[in-house]
Amino acid sequence: MKNRIQSHLLLLISTLLLGTGFLNNQFKVAEQKWFQNHQQDTESLVIGRMVKAKRDGIFSTGGLISFIQSVPIT
């Protein structure tokens, strides 16, 4: 019983430390500029895949993610 409580406590503390370190960039592993740009790049991949699935079907290109680039309107 004591080992189980210790294991759960260790899991909770580890999750809190690692979660706050990732979400808030608490340990300053990456520069803030990189952290913000990384999120935008990832979001464009997901949105690109959603647009392609709506246009060409969900299994187009084997279900792999796509990238949408801005195209100038002429």
Protein backbone atom coordinates (compact mmCIF):
# COMPACT_ATOMS: atom_id res chain seq x y z
CA MET A 1 0.00 0.00 0.00
CA LYS A 2 2.82 2.40 0.88
CA ASN A 3 4.63 1.68 -2.41
CA ARG A 4 1.45 2.35 -4.36
CA ILE A 5 0.98 5.75 -2.71
CA GLN A 6 4.62 6.64 -3.37
CA SER A 7 4.28 5.62 -7.00
CA HIS A 8 1.17 7.75 -7.49
CA LEU A 9 2.79 10.70 -5.76
CA LEU A 10 5.89 10.40 -7.95
CA LEU A 11 3.70 10.23 -11.07
CA LEU A 12 1.74 13.32 -10.00
CA ILE A 13 4.86 15.38 -9.22
CA SER A 14 6.59 14.31 -12.44
CA THR A 15 3.53 15.14 -14.53
CA LEU A 16 3.17 18.57 -12.95
CA LEU A 17 6.86 19.44 -13.38
CA LEU A 18 7.13 18.20 -16.94
CA GLY A 19 3.74 19.60 -17.94
CA THR A 20 4.47 23.11 -16.70
CA GLY A 21 7.93 22.94 -18.20
CA PHE A 22 6.48 22.16 -21.61
CA LEU A 23 3.40 24.39 -21.57
CA ASN A 24 5.06 27.51 -20.17
CA ASN A 25 8.61 26.93 -21.47
CA GLN A 26 9.56 27.21 -17.80
CA PHE A 27 13.05 25.75 -18.18
CA LYS A 28 13.86 28.07 -21.14
CA VAL A 29 15.08 25.18 -23.29
CA ALA A 30 13.87 26.91 -26.46
CA GLU A 31 13.78 30.59 -27.28
CA GLN A 32 10.31 32.10 -27.06
CA LYS A 33 10.36 33.11 -30.76
CA TRP A 34 10.99 29.52 -31.84
CA PHE A 35 8.30 28.23 -29.51
CA GLN A 36 5.66 30.54 -31.01
CA ASN A 37 6.63 29.82 -34.65
CA HIS A 38 6.67 26.07 -34.02
CA GLN A 39 3.03 26.17 -33.01
CA GLN A 40 2.00 28.06 -36.16
CA ASP A 41 3.81 25.61 -38.44
CA THR A 42 2.13 22.64 -36.79
CA GLU A 43 -1.28 24.27 -36.99
CA SER A 44 -0.89 24.92 -40.73
CA LEU A 45 -0.17 21.21 -41.31
CA VAL A 46 -3.35 20.16 -39.54
CA ILE A 47 -5.51 22.78 -41.26
CA GLY A 48 -3.96 21.89 -44.62
CA ARG A 49 -4.91 18.25 -44.14
CA MET A 50 -8.46 19.17 -43.15
CA VAL A 51 -8.88 21.29 -46.30
CA LYS A 52 -7.45 18.54 -48.53
CA ALA A 53 -9.73 15.94 -46.96
CA LYS A 54 -12.78 18.10 -47.58
CA ARG A 55 -11.75 18.74 -51.20
CA ASP A 56 -10.40 15.36 -52.28
CA GLY A 57 -11.74 12.90 -49.68
CA ILE A 58 -10.42 11.73 -46.34
CA PHE A 59 -8.15 9.02 -47.82
CA SER A 60 -6.52 11.21 -50.48
CA THR A 61 -2.70 11.04 -50.42
CA GLY A 62 -2.93 8.08 -48.09
CA GLY A 63 -4.31 10.16 -45.21
CA LEU A 64 -0.97 11.92 -44.72
CA ILE A 65 -0.83 15.55 -43.61
CA SER A 66 -0.53 18.33 -46.19
CA PHE A 67 0.76 21.87 -46.16
CA ILE A 68 -1.22 24.90 -47.30
CA GLN A 69 0.75 27.86 -48.64
CA SER A 70 -0.73 31.25 -49.29
CA VAL A 71 -1.38 31.84 -52.97
CA PRO A 72 -1.62 35.41 -54.21
CA ILE A 73 -5.03 36.28 -55.62
CA THR A 74 -4.78 37.77 -59.10
